[in-house]
Amino acid sequence: MIDIILYAFGVMYTSGPVNAIGLNNGIQRQNRISGFFAGVAVAMFILFFSVAFIGERVMNSSLLTLTSVLGSLYILWLAIKIFRSTPT
């Protein structure tokens, strides 16, 4: 649970597409920005609820091990791609 809370704070207080769009909307139309952020909040709730529901219903110990290995290999692949990339 603490992981999700830390992730939510990290997403809220770092620059990213949602914050940039919210800032632009706030500058352009200051009175209609709350609907955008409410939509983002609902979308994040649906995402977290879906992941939790699938994790509770579908995952078992053998699938969890396989998923962990696949996730680790994917992160390793991304790290190699970043390491080998050239700055532009």
PDB file of N, CA and C in Angstrom:
ATOM      1  N   MET A   1       0.817  -1.199   0.000  1.00  0.00           N
ATOM      2  CA  MET A   1       0.000   0.000   0.000  1.00  0.00           C
ATOM      3  C   MET A   1       0.858   1.260   0.000  1.00  0.00           C
ATOM      4  N   ILE A   2       1.947   1.211   0.748  1.00  0.00           N
ATOM      5  CA  ILE A   2       2.807   2.392   0.811  1.00  0.00           C
ATOM      6  C   ILE A   2       3.442   2.672  -0.551  1.00  0.00           C
ATOM      7  N   ASP A   3       3.657   1.606  -1.348  1.00  0.00           N
ATOM      8  CA  ASP A   3       4.231   1.800  -2.680  1.00  0.00           C
ATOM      9  C   ASP A   3       3.297   2.619  -3.571  1.00  0.00           C
ATOM     10  N   ILE A   4       2.019   2.337  -3.511  1.00  0.00           N
ATOM     11  CA  ILE A   4       1.053   3.064  -4.328  1.00  0.00           C
ATOM     12  C   ILE A   4       0.960   4.521  -3.871  1.00  0.00           C
ATOM     13  N   ILE A   5       0.983   4.744  -2.574  1.00  0.00           N
ATOM     14  CA  ILE A   5       0.907   6.111  -2.053  1.00  0.00           C
ATOM     15  C   ILE A   5       2.143   6.907  -2.479  1.00  0.00           C
ATOM     16  N   LEU A   6       3.327   6.302  -2.370  1.00  0.00           N
ATOM     17  CA  LEU A   6       4.546   6.986  -2.807  1.00  0.00           C
ATOM     18  C   LEU A   6       4.529   7.250  -4.310  1.00  0.00           C
ATOM     19  N   TYR A   7       4.028   6.293  -5.076  1.00  0.00           N
ATOM     20  CA  TYR A   7       3.916   6.499  -6.524  1.00  0.00           C
ATOM     21  C   TYR A   7       2.972   7.663  -6.822  1.00  0.00           C
ATOM     22  N   ALA A   8       1.844   7.713  -6.140  1.00  0.00           N
ATOM     23  CA  ALA A   8       0.874   8.785  -6.381  1.00  0.00           C
ATOM     24  C   ALA A   8       1.476  10.152  -6.053  1.00  0.00           C
ATOM     25  N   PHE A   9       2.198  10.266  -4.942  1.00  0.00           N
ATOM     26  CA  PHE A   9       2.852  11.534  -4.618  1.00  0.00           C
ATOM     27  C   PHE A   9       3.934  11.879  -5.635  1.00  0.00           C
ATOM     28  N   GLY A  10       4.673  10.879  -6.082  1.00  0.00           N
ATOM     29  CA  GLY A  10       5.697  11.127  -7.091  1.00  0.00           C
ATOM     30  C   GLY A  10       5.112  11.625  -8.394  1.00  0.00           C
ATOM     31  N   VAL A  11       3.995  11.065  -8.796  1.00  0.00           N
ATOM     32  CA  VAL A  11       3.345  11.494 -10.035  1.00  0.00           C
ATOM     33  C   VAL A  11       2.746  12.889  -9.869  1.00  0.00           C
ATOM     34  N   MET A  12       2.189  13.167  -8.708  1.00  0.00           N
ATOM     35  CA  MET A  12       1.549  14.462  -8.501  1.00  0.00           C
ATOM     36  C   MET A  12       2.538  15.618  -8.485  1.00  0.00           C
ATOM     37  N   TYR A  13       3.706  15.413  -7.911  1.00  0.00           N
ATOM     38  CA  TYR A  13       4.597  16.531  -7.666  1.00  0.00           C
ATOM     39  C   TYR A  13       5.823  16.564  -8.571  1.00  0.00           C
ATOM     40  N   THR A  14       5.849  15.754  -9.612  1.00  0.00           N
ATOM     41  CA  THR A  14       6.913  15.854 -10.601  1.00  0.00           C
ATOM     42  C   THR A  14       6.312  16.331 -11.906  1.00  0.00           C
ATOM     43  N   SER A  15       7.143  16.936 -12.714  1.00  0.00           N
ATOM     44  CA  SER A  15       6.614  17.410 -13.993  1.00  0.00           C
ATOM     45  C   SER A  15       6.354  16.216 -14.894  1.00  0.00           C
ATOM     46  N   GLY A  16       5.298  16.282 -15.601  1.00  0.00           N
ATOM     47  CA  GLY A  16       4.905  15.221 -16.512  1.00  0.00           C
ATOM     48  C   GLY A  16       3.791  15.729 -17.400  1.00  0.00           C
ATOM     49  N   PRO A  17       3.279  14.874 -18.265  1.00  0.00           N
ATOM     50  CA  PRO A  17       2.264  15.336 -19.213  1.00  0.00           C
ATOM     51  C   PRO A  17       0.984  15.835 -18.549  1.00  0.00           C
ATOM     52  N   VAL A  18       0.549  15.187 -17.496  1.00  0.00           N
ATOM     53  CA  VAL A  18      -0.693  15.619 -16.841  1.00  0.00           C
ATOM     54  C   VAL A  18      -0.507  16.994 -16.217  1.00  0.00           C
ATOM     55  N   ASN A  19       0.623  17.199 -15.555  1.00  0.00           N
ATOM     56  CA  ASN A  19       0.875  18.510 -14.941  1.00  0.00           C
ATOM     57  C   ASN A  19       1.062  19.593 -15.988  1.00  0.00           C
ATOM     58  N   ALA A  20       1.740  19.263 -17.095  1.00  0.00           N
ATOM     59  CA  ALA A  20       1.935  20.256 -18.157  1.00  0.00           C
ATOM     60  C   ALA A  20       0.600  20.634 -18.802  1.00  0.00           C
ATOM     61  N   ILE A  21      -0.245  19.646 -19.059  1.00  0.00           N
ATOM     62  CA  ILE A  21      -1.562  19.931 -19.638  1.00  0.00           C
ATOM     63  C   ILE A  21      -2.408  20.730 -18.653  1.00  0.00           C
ATOM     64  N   GLY A  22      -2.342  20.350 -17.364  1.00  0.00           N
ATOM     65  CA  GLY A  22      -3.087  21.090 -16.353  1.00  0.00           C
ATOM     66  C   GLY A  22      -2.626  22.525 -16.224  1.00  0.00           C
ATOM     67  N   LEU A  23      -1.312  22.732 -16.294  1.00  0.00           N
ATOM     68  CA  LEU A  23      -0.785  24.089 -16.232  1.00  0.00           C
ATOM     69  C   LEU A  23      -1.248  24.905 -17.434  1.00  0.00           C
ATOM     70  N   ASN A  24      -1.179  24.319 -18.613  1.00  0.00           N
ATOM     71  CA  ASN A  24      -1.621  25.018 -19.818  1.00  0.00           C
ATOM     72  C   ASN A  24      -3.114  25.352 -19.749  1.00  0.00           C
ATOM     73  N   ASN A  25      -3.921  24.388 -19.308  1.00  0.00           N
ATOM     74  CA  ASN A  25      -5.359  24.656 -19.174  1.00  0.00           C
ATOM     75  C   ASN A  25      -5.633  25.718 -18.123  1.00  0.00           C
ATOM     76  N   GLY A  26      -4.869  25.698 -17.055  1.00  0.00           N
ATOM     77  CA  GLY A  26      -5.052  26.710 -16.022  1.00  0.00           C
ATOM     78  C   GLY A  26      -4.710  28.100 -16.512  1.00  0.00           C
ATOM     79  N   ILE A  27      -3.692  28.189 -17.355  1.00  0.00           N
ATOM     80  CA  ILE A  27      -3.318  29.489 -17.907  1.00  0.00           C
ATOM     81  C   ILE A  27      -4.353  29.966 -18.921  1.00  0.00           C
ATOM     82  N   GLN A  28      -4.851  29.053 -19.736  1.00  0.00           N
ATOM     83  CA  GLN A  28      -5.783  29.421 -20.800  1.00  0.00           C
ATOM     84  C   GLN A  28      -7.201  29.677 -20.270  1.00  0.00           C
ATOM     85  N   ARG A  29      -7.739  28.713 -19.510  1.00  0.00           N
ATOM     86  CA  ARG A  29      -9.115  28.807 -18.998  1.00  0.00           C
ATOM     87  C   ARG A  29      -9.099  28.469 -17.516  1.00  0.00           C
ATOM     88  N   GLN A  30      -9.056  29.447 -16.692  1.00  0.00           N
ATOM     89  CA  GLN A  30      -8.822  29.216 -15.271  1.00  0.00           C
ATOM     90  C   GLN A  30     -10.017  28.606 -14.535  1.00  0.00           C
ATOM     91  N   ASN A  31     -11.196  28.677 -15.079  1.00  0.00           N
ATOM     92  CA  ASN A  31     -12.361  28.214 -14.320  1.00  0.00           C
ATOM     93  C   ASN A  31     -12.783  26.787 -14.647  1.00  0.00           C
ATOM     94  N   ARG A  32     -12.201  26.127 -15.656  1.00  0.00           N
ATOM     95  CA  ARG A  32     -12.651  24.789 -16.034  1.00  0.00           C
ATOM     96  C   ARG A  32     -11.580  23.726 -15.849  1.00  0.00           C
ATOM     97  N   ILE A  33     -10.615  23.945 -15.026  1.00  0.00           N
ATOM     98  CA  ILE A  33      -9.506  23.018 -14.861  1.00  0.00           C
ATOM     99  C   ILE A  33      -9.842  21.864 -13.922  1.00  0.00           C
ATOM    100  N   SER A  34     -10.765  22.029 -13.012  1.00  0.00           N
ATOM    101  CA  SER A  34     -11.047  20.981 -12.029  1.00  0.00           C
ATOM    102  C   SER A  34     -11.619  19.729 -12.677  1.00  0.00           C
ATOM    103  N   GLY A  35     -12.361  19.862 -13.769  1.00  0.00           N
ATOM    104  CA  GLY A  35     -12.888  18.686 -14.473  1.00  0.00           C
ATOM    105  C   GLY A  35     -11.785  17.826 -15.055  1.00  0.00           C
ATOM    106  N   PHE A  36     -10.750  18.460 -15.565  1.00  0.00           N
ATOM    107  CA  PHE A  36      -9.612  17.725 -16.118  1.00  0.00           C
ATOM    108  C   PHE A  36      -8.933  16.903 -15.030  1.00  0.00           C
ATOM    109  N   PHE A  37      -8.644  17.534 -13.903  1.00  0.00           N
ATOM    110  CA  PHE A  37      -7.973  16.813 -12.828  1.00  0.00           C
ATOM    111  C   PHE A  37      -8.886  15.759 -12.193  1.00  0.00           C
ATOM    112  N   ALA A  38     -10.183  15.995 -12.170  1.00  0.00           N
ATOM    113  CA  ALA A  38     -11.106  14.963 -11.688  1.00  0.00           C
ATOM    114  C   ALA A  38     -11.079  13.762 -12.617  1.00  0.00           C
ATOM    115  N   GLY A  39     -11.009  14.012 -13.919  1.00  0.00           N
ATOM    116  CA  GLY A  39     -10.910  12.917 -14.880  1.00  0.00           C
ATOM    117  C   GLY A  39      -9.632  12.126 -14.711  1.00  0.00           C
ATOM    118  N   VAL A  40      -8.526  12.808 -14.461  1.00  0.00           N
ATOM    119  CA  VAL A  40      -7.250  12.122 -14.223  1.00  0.00           C
ATOM    120  C   VAL A  40      -7.341  11.286 -12.952  1.00  0.00           C
ATOM    121  N   ALA A  41      -7.950  11.826 -11.914  1.00  0.00           N
ATOM    122  CA  ALA A  41      -8.095  11.085 -10.660  1.00  0.00           C
ATOM    123  C   ALA A  41      -8.951   9.837 -10.853  1.00  0.00           C
ATOM    124  N   VAL A  42     -10.041   9.960 -11.606  1.00  0.00           N
ATOM    125  CA  VAL A  42     -10.902   8.802 -11.859  1.00  0.00           C
ATOM    126  C   VAL A  42     -10.151   7.757 -12.681  1.00  0.00           C
ATOM    127  N   ALA A  43      -9.390   8.204 -13.680  1.00  0.00           N
ATOM    128  CA  ALA A  43      -8.617   7.274 -14.498  1.00  0.00           C
ATOM    129  C   ALA A  43      -7.570   6.538 -13.664  1.00  0.00           C
ATOM    130  N   MET A  44      -6.895   7.243 -12.775  1.00  0.00           N
ATOM    131  CA  MET A  44      -5.902   6.595 -11.911  1.00  0.00           C
ATOM    132  C   MET A  44      -6.570   5.607 -10.945  1.00  0.00           C
ATOM    133  N   PHE A  45      -7.752   5.967 -10.445  1.00  0.00           N
ATOM    134  CA  PHE A  45      -8.480   5.045  -9.572  1.00  0.00           C
ATOM    135  C   PHE A  45      -8.842   3.774 -10.326  1.00  0.00           C
ATOM    136  N   ILE A  46      -9.341   3.916 -11.551  1.00  0.00           N
ATOM    137  CA  ILE A  46      -9.702   2.744 -12.355  1.00  0.00           C
ATOM    138  C   ILE A  46      -8.470   1.891 -12.625  1.00  0.00           C
ATOM    139  N   LEU A  47      -7.348   2.534 -12.944  1.00  0.00           N
ATOM    140  CA  LEU A  47      -6.114   1.795 -13.193  1.00  0.00           C
ATOM    141  C   LEU A  47      -5.681   1.011 -11.959  1.00  0.00           C
ATOM    142  N   PHE A  48      -5.604   1.672 -10.807  1.00  0.00           N
ATOM    143  CA  PHE A  48      -5.170   0.992  -9.586  1.00  0.00           C
ATOM    144  C   PHE A  48      -6.156  -0.103  -9.175  1.00  0.00           C
ATOM    145  N   PHE A  49      -7.447   0.169  -9.298  1.00  0.00           N
ATOM    146  CA  PHE A  49      -8.451  -0.834  -8.943  1.00  0.00           C
ATOM    147  C   PHE A  49      -8.346  -2.048  -9.852  1.00  0.00           C
ATOM    148  N   SER A  50      -8.166  -1.821 -11.153  1.00  0.00           N
ATOM    149  CA  SER A  50      -8.065  -2.928 -12.105  1.00  0.00           C
ATOM    150  C   SER A  50      -6.830  -3.778 -11.840  1.00  0.00           C
ATOM    151  N   VAL A  51      -5.706  -3.128 -11.604  1.00  0.00           N
ATOM    152  CA  VAL A  51      -4.477  -3.872 -11.330  1.00  0.00           C
ATOM    153  C   VAL A  51      -4.620  -4.673 -10.036  1.00  0.00           C
ATOM    154  N   ALA A  52      -5.205  -4.072  -9.016  1.00  0.00           N
ATOM    155  CA  ALA A  52      -5.400  -4.781  -7.749  1.00  0.00           C
ATOM    156  C   ALA A  52      -6.363  -5.950  -7.919  1.00  0.00           C
ATOM    157  N   PHE A  53      -7.436  -5.749  -8.668  1.00  0.00           N
ATOM    158  CA  PHE A  53      -8.426  -6.807  -8.877  1.00  0.00           C
ATOM    159  C   PHE A  53      -7.816  -7.969  -9.662  1.00  0.00           C
ATOM    160  N   ILE A  54      -7.101  -7.649 -10.730  1.00  0.00           N
ATOM    161  CA  ILE A  54      -6.465  -8.701 -11.525  1.00  0.00           C
ATOM    162  C   ILE A  54      -5.406  -9.419 -10.698  1.00  0.00           C
ATOM    163  N   GLY A  55      -4.640  -8.653  -9.939  1.00  0.00           N
ATOM    164  CA  GLY A  55      -3.624  -9.268  -9.090  1.00  0.00           C
ATOM    165  C   GLY A  55      -4.221 -10.191  -8.046  1.00  0.00           C
ATOM    166  N   GLU A  56      -5.359  -9.839  -7.537  1.00  0.00           N
ATOM    167  CA  GLU A  56      -6.002 -10.662  -6.510  1.00  0.00           C
ATOM    168  C   GLU A  56      -6.659 -11.901  -7.100  1.00  0.00           C
ATOM    169  N   ARG A  57      -7.284 -11.761  -8.258  1.00  0.00           N
ATOM    170  CA  ARG A  57      -8.058 -12.861  -8.842  1.00  0.00           C
ATOM    171  C   ARG A  57      -7.239 -13.797  -9.731  1.00  0.00           C
ATOM    172  N   VAL A  58      -6.305 -13.274 -10.482  1.00  0.00           N
ATOM    173  CA  VAL A  58      -5.636 -14.060 -11.513  1.00  0.00           C
ATOM    174  C   VAL A  58      -4.287 -14.595 -11.062  1.00  0.00           C
ATOM    175  N   MET A  59      -3.511 -13.788 -10.376  1.00  0.00           N
ATOM    176  CA  MET A  59      -2.128 -14.160 -10.059  1.00  0.00           C
ATOM    177  C   MET A  59      -2.072 -15.226  -8.975  1.00  0.00           C
ATOM    178  N   ASN A  60      -1.216 -16.209  -9.212  1.00  0.00           N
ATOM    179  CA  ASN A  60      -0.872 -17.174  -8.177  1.00  0.00           C
ATOM    180  C   ASN A  60       0.645 -17.194  -8.066  1.00  0.00           C
ATOM    181  N   SER A  61       1.200 -18.043  -7.233  1.00  0.00           N
ATOM    182  CA  SER A  61       2.639 -17.979  -6.972  1.00  0.00           C
ATOM    183  C   SER A  61       3.468 -18.309  -8.201  1.00  0.00           C
ATOM    184  N   SER A  62       3.029 -19.236  -9.039  1.00  0.00           N
ATOM    185  CA  SER A  62       3.819 -19.561 -10.230  1.00  0.00           C
ATOM    186  C   SER A  62       3.751 -18.423 -11.248  1.00  0.00           C
ATOM    187  N   LEU A  63       2.590 -17.818 -11.429  1.00  0.00           N
ATOM    188  CA  LEU A  63       2.477 -16.685 -12.338  1.00  0.00           C
ATOM    189  C   LEU A  63       3.230 -15.468 -11.801  1.00  0.00           C
ATOM    190  N   LEU A  64       3.258 -15.318 -10.493  1.00  0.00           N
ATOM    191  CA  LEU A  64       3.967 -14.192  -9.893  1.00  0.00           C
ATOM    192  C   LEU A  64       5.475 -14.297 -10.156  1.00  0.00           C
ATOM    193  N   THR A  65       6.008 -15.495 -10.056  1.00  0.00           N
ATOM    194  CA  THR A  65       7.430 -15.696 -10.346  1.00  0.00           C
ATOM    195  C   THR A  65       7.722 -15.399 -11.811  1.00  0.00           C
ATOM    196  N   LEU A  66       6.898 -15.899 -12.713  1.00  0.00           N
ATOM    197  CA  LEU A  66       7.081 -15.650 -14.138  1.00  0.00           C
ATOM    198  C   LEU A  66       6.963 -14.160 -14.452  1.00  0.00           C
ATOM    199  N   THR A  67       5.984 -13.497 -13.879  1.00  0.00           N
ATOM    200  CA  THR A  67       5.800 -12.070 -14.110  1.00  0.00           C
ATOM    201  C   THR A  67       6.989 -11.276 -13.578  1.00  0.00           C
ATOM    202  N   SER A  68       7.524 -11.658 -12.439  1.00  0.00           N
ATOM    203  CA  SER A  68       8.692 -10.976 -11.875  1.00  0.00           C
ATOM    204  C   SER A  68       9.904 -11.129 -12.779  1.00  0.00           C
ATOM    205  N   VAL A  69      10.108 -12.313 -13.307  1.00  0.00           N
ATOM    206  CA  VAL A  69      11.248 -12.546 -14.199  1.00  0.00           C
ATOM    207  C   VAL A  69      11.076 -11.750 -15.493  1.00  0.00           C
ATOM    208  N   LEU A  70       9.887 -11.777 -16.076  1.00  0.00           N
ATOM    209  CA  LEU A  70       9.641 -11.023 -17.311  1.00  0.00           C
ATOM    210  C   LEU A  70       9.791  -9.517 -17.089  1.00  0.00           C
ATOM    211  N   GLY A  71       9.286  -9.021 -15.974  1.00  0.00           N
ATOM    212  CA  GLY A  71       9.428  -7.598 -15.655  1.00  0.00           C
ATOM    213  C   GLY A  71      10.878  -7.200 -15.452  1.00  0.00           C
ATOM    214  N   SER A  72      11.635  -8.052 -14.787  1.00  0.00           N
ATOM    215  CA  SER A  72      13.056  -7.767 -14.571  1.00  0.00           C
ATOM    216  C   SER A  72      13.824  -7.772 -15.889  1.00  0.00           C
ATOM    217  N   LEU A  73      13.520  -8.724 -16.765  1.00  0.00           N
ATOM    218  CA  LEU A  73      14.171  -8.751 -18.076  1.00  0.00           C
ATOM    219  C   LEU A  73      13.818  -7.519 -18.903  1.00  0.00           C
ATOM    220  N   TYR A  74      12.583  -7.062 -18.796  1.00  0.00           N
ATOM    221  CA  TYR A  74      12.178  -5.864 -19.527  1.00  0.00           C
ATOM    222  C   TYR A  74      12.925  -4.629 -19.017  1.00  0.00           C
ATOM    223  N   ILE A  75      13.047  -4.485 -17.705  1.00  0.00           N
ATOM    224  CA  ILE A  75      13.784  -3.363 -17.129  1.00  0.00           C
ATOM    225  C   ILE A  75      15.258  -3.439 -17.521  1.00  0.00           C
ATOM    226  N   LEU A  76      15.829  -4.641 -17.545  1.00  0.00           N
ATOM    227  CA  LEU A  76      17.210  -4.809 -17.977  1.00  0.00           C
ATOM    228  C   LEU A  76      17.369  -4.413 -19.445  1.00  0.00           C
ATOM    229  N   TRP A  77      16.426  -4.814 -20.276  1.00  0.00           N
ATOM    230  CA  TRP A  77      16.461  -4.449 -21.699  1.00  0.00           C
ATOM    231  C   TRP A  77      16.393  -2.935 -21.868  1.00  0.00           C
ATOM    232  N   LEU A  78      15.503  -2.271 -21.117  1.00  0.00           N
ATOM    233  CA  LEU A  78      15.425  -0.811 -21.175  1.00  0.00           C
ATOM    234  C   LEU A  78      16.724  -0.160 -20.720  1.00  0.00           C
ATOM    235  N   ALA A  79      17.333  -0.694 -19.671  1.00  0.00           N
ATOM    236  CA  ALA A  79      18.594  -0.137 -19.183  1.00  0.00           C
ATOM    237  C   ALA A  79      19.695  -0.270 -20.232  1.00  0.00           C
ATOM    238  N   ILE A  80      19.753  -1.400 -20.907  1.00  0.00           N
ATOM    239  CA  ILE A  80      20.749  -1.591 -21.965  1.00  0.00           C
ATOM    240  C   ILE A  80      20.499  -0.625 -23.109  1.00  0.00           C
ATOM    241  N   LYS A  81      19.227  -0.453 -23.497  1.00  0.00           N
ATOM    242  CA  LYS A  81      18.895   0.492 -24.579  1.00  0.00           C
ATOM    243  C   LYS A  81      19.304   1.913 -24.198  1.00  0.00           C
ATOM    244  N   ILE A  82      19.063   2.306 -22.967  1.00  0.00           N
ATOM    245  CA  ILE A  82      19.435   3.652 -22.519  1.00  0.00           C
ATOM    246  C   ILE A  82      20.960   3.792 -22.473  1.00  0.00           C
ATOM    247  N   PHE A  83      21.629   2.770 -21.989  1.00  0.00           N
ATOM    248  CA  PHE A  83      23.101   2.810 -21.880  1.00  0.00           C
ATOM    249  C   PHE A  83      23.746   2.924 -23.257  1.00  0.00           C
ATOM    250  N   ARG A  84      23.211   2.231 -24.236  1.00  0.00           N
ATOM    251  CA  ARG A  84      23.793   2.241 -25.593  1.00  0.00           C
ATOM    252  C   ARG A  84      23.354   3.417 -26.451  1.00  0.00           C
ATOM    253  N   SER A  85      22.373   4.164 -26.014  1.00  0.00           N
ATOM    254  CA  SER A  85      21.878   5.262 -26.830  1.00  0.00           C
ATOM    255  C   SER A  85      22.872   6.414 -26.858  1.00  0.00           C
ATOM    256  N   THR A  86      22.796   7.186 -27.932  1.00  0.00           N
ATOM    257  CA  THR A  86      23.663   8.355 -28.050  1.00  0.00           C
ATOM    258  C   THR A  86      22.837   9.614 -27.832  1.00  0.00           C
ATOM    259  N   PRO A  87      23.347  10.557 -27.088  1.00  0.00           N
ATOM    260  CA  PRO A  87      22.596  11.804 -26.864  1.00  0.00           C
ATOM    261  C   PRO A  87      22.464  12.593 -28.158  1.00  0.00           C
ATOM    262  N   THR A  88      21.335  13.228 -28.310  1.00  0.00           N
ATOM    263  CA  THR A  88      21.115  14.043 -29.525  1.00  0.00           C
ATOM    264  C   THR A  88      21.237  15.508 -29.228  1.00  0.00           C
TER     265      THR A  88
END
